[in-house]
């Protein structure tokens, strides 16, 4: 299971865009988005780095949760 924290994923529309970006890499991946938590969970045989790149290219770069806690 791969888990990413995506600060820019704040709504259902964002979640659909994230899902499309991830499924363009692995159409067979099981993807669960949680906009309220700004998290996406991915079940795939592919390495997480390829998904990290796809999310960044789609405008939804993942971050560590601690990176955004101190921003106001």
C-alpha atoms as a PDB file:
ATOM      1  CA  UNK A   1       0.000   0.000   0.000  1.00  0.00           C
ATOM      2  CA  UNK A   2       1.333   3.413  -0.995  1.00  0.00           C
ATOM      3  CA  UNK A   3       0.115   6.486   0.887  1.00  0.00           C
ATOM      4  CA  UNK A   4       0.647  10.086  -0.177  1.00  0.00           C
ATOM      5  CA  UNK A   5      -0.309  13.304   1.585  1.00  0.00           C
ATOM      6  CA  UNK A   6      -1.447  15.806  -1.062  1.00  0.00           C
ATOM      7  CA  UNK A   7      -1.982  19.331   0.330  1.00  0.00           C
ATOM      8  CA  UNK A   8      -3.613  20.585  -2.896  1.00  0.00           C
ATOM      9  CA  UNK A   9      -6.307  17.860  -2.942  1.00  0.00           C
ATOM     10  CA  UNK A  10      -9.087  19.692  -1.151  1.00  0.00           C
ATOM     11  CA  UNK A  11     -12.271  18.577  -2.922  1.00  0.00           C
ATOM     12  CA  UNK A  12     -13.930  15.843  -4.932  1.00  0.00           C
ATOM     13  CA  UNK A  13     -12.862  17.412  -8.227  1.00  0.00           C
ATOM     14  CA  UNK A  14      -9.240  17.371  -7.099  1.00  0.00           C
ATOM     15  CA  UNK A  15      -9.642  13.743  -6.030  1.00  0.00           C
ATOM     16  CA  UNK A  16     -10.925  12.826  -9.511  1.00  0.00           C
ATOM     17  CA  UNK A  17      -7.929  14.541 -11.102  1.00  0.00           C
ATOM     18  CA  UNK A  18      -5.561  12.697  -8.761  1.00  0.00           C
ATOM     19  CA  UNK A  19      -7.259   9.383  -9.567  1.00  0.00           C
ATOM     20  CA  UNK A  20      -7.023  10.004 -13.325  1.00  0.00           C
ATOM     21  CA  UNK A  21      -3.324  10.875 -13.060  1.00  0.00           C
ATOM     22  CA  UNK A  22      -2.576   7.714 -11.093  1.00  0.00           C
ATOM     23  CA  UNK A  23      -4.654   5.443 -13.312  1.00  0.00           C
ATOM     24  CA  UNK A  24      -2.867   6.794 -16.381  1.00  0.00           C
ATOM     25  CA  UNK A  25       0.253   5.142 -14.932  1.00  0.00           C
ATOM     26  CA  UNK A  26      -1.396   1.910 -13.771  1.00  0.00           C
ATOM     27  CA  UNK A  27      -4.988   1.346 -14.951  1.00  0.00           C
ATOM     28  CA  UNK A  28      -5.217  -1.731 -12.688  1.00  0.00           C
ATOM     29  CA  UNK A  29      -4.259   0.144  -9.499  1.00  0.00           C
ATOM     30  CA  UNK A  30      -6.775   0.344  -6.677  1.00  0.00           C
ATOM     31  CA  UNK A  31      -6.984   3.985  -5.636  1.00  0.00           C
ATOM     32  CA  UNK A  32      -8.766   5.449  -2.642  1.00  0.00           C
ATOM     33  CA  UNK A  33      -8.837   9.222  -2.170  1.00  0.00           C
ATOM     34  CA  UNK A  34      -9.705  11.014   1.056  1.00  0.00           C
ATOM     35  CA  UNK A  35      -9.940  14.761   0.327  1.00  0.00           C
ATOM     36  CA  UNK A  36     -10.809  15.605   3.945  1.00  0.00           C
ATOM     37  CA  UNK A  37      -7.499  14.083   5.051  1.00  0.00           C
ATOM     38  CA  UNK A  38      -5.750  15.104   1.812  1.00  0.00           C
ATOM     39  CA  UNK A  39      -4.548  11.532   1.394  1.00  0.00           C
ATOM     40  CA  UNK A  40      -4.519   9.016  -1.396  1.00  0.00           C
ATOM     41  CA  UNK A  41      -3.960   5.288  -0.945  1.00  0.00           C
ATOM     42  CA  UNK A  42      -2.705   3.221  -3.865  1.00  0.00           C
ATOM     43  CA  UNK A  43      -2.512  -0.550  -4.271  1.00  0.00           C
ATOM     44  CA  UNK A  44      -0.205  -1.336  -7.167  1.00  0.00           C
ATOM     45  CA  UNK A  45       2.735  -3.526  -8.079  1.00  0.00           C
ATOM     46  CA  UNK A  46       4.565  -0.451  -9.422  1.00  0.00           C
ATOM     47  CA  UNK A  47       7.115   1.510  -7.383  1.00  0.00           C
ATOM     48  CA  UNK A  48       5.897   4.618  -5.549  1.00  0.00           C
ATOM     49  CA  UNK A  49       8.367   6.899  -7.372  1.00  0.00           C
ATOM     50  CA  UNK A  50       6.453   6.598 -10.639  1.00  0.00           C
ATOM     51  CA  UNK A  51       3.254   7.732  -8.910  1.00  0.00           C
ATOM     52  CA  UNK A  52       5.111  10.561  -7.179  1.00  0.00           C
ATOM     53  CA  UNK A  53       6.241  11.866 -10.565  1.00  0.00           C
ATOM     54  CA  UNK A  54       2.761  11.553 -12.091  1.00  0.00           C
ATOM     55  CA  UNK A  55       1.173  13.473  -9.220  1.00  0.00           C
ATOM     56  CA  UNK A  56       3.716  16.269  -9.523  1.00  0.00           C
ATOM     57  CA  UNK A  57       3.137  16.537 -13.277  1.00  0.00           C
ATOM     58  CA  UNK A  58      -0.629  16.688 -12.687  1.00  0.00           C
ATOM     59  CA  UNK A  59      -0.228  19.630 -10.285  1.00  0.00           C
ATOM     60  CA  UNK A  60      -0.753  17.632  -7.091  1.00  0.00           C
ATOM     61  CA  UNK A  61       2.741  17.127  -5.655  1.00  0.00           C
ATOM     62  CA  UNK A  62       2.734  15.060  -2.470  1.00  0.00           C
ATOM     63  CA  UNK A  63       4.326  16.437   0.684  1.00  0.00           C
ATOM     64  CA  UNK A  64       5.187  15.191   4.129  1.00  0.00           C
ATOM     65  CA  UNK A  65       2.388  16.174   6.556  1.00  0.00           C
ATOM     66  CA  UNK A  66       4.903  18.077   8.697  1.00  0.00           C
ATOM     67  CA  UNK A  67       5.817  20.320   5.744  1.00  0.00           C
ATOM     68  CA  UNK A  68       2.415  22.015   5.792  1.00  0.00           C
ATOM     69  CA  UNK A  69       1.633  22.140   9.506  1.00  0.00           C
ATOM     70  CA  UNK A  70       3.613  25.301  10.137  1.00  0.00           C
ATOM     71  CA  UNK A  71       2.258  27.265   7.186  1.00  0.00           C
ATOM     72  CA  UNK A  72      -0.407  29.845   7.986  1.00  0.00           C
END
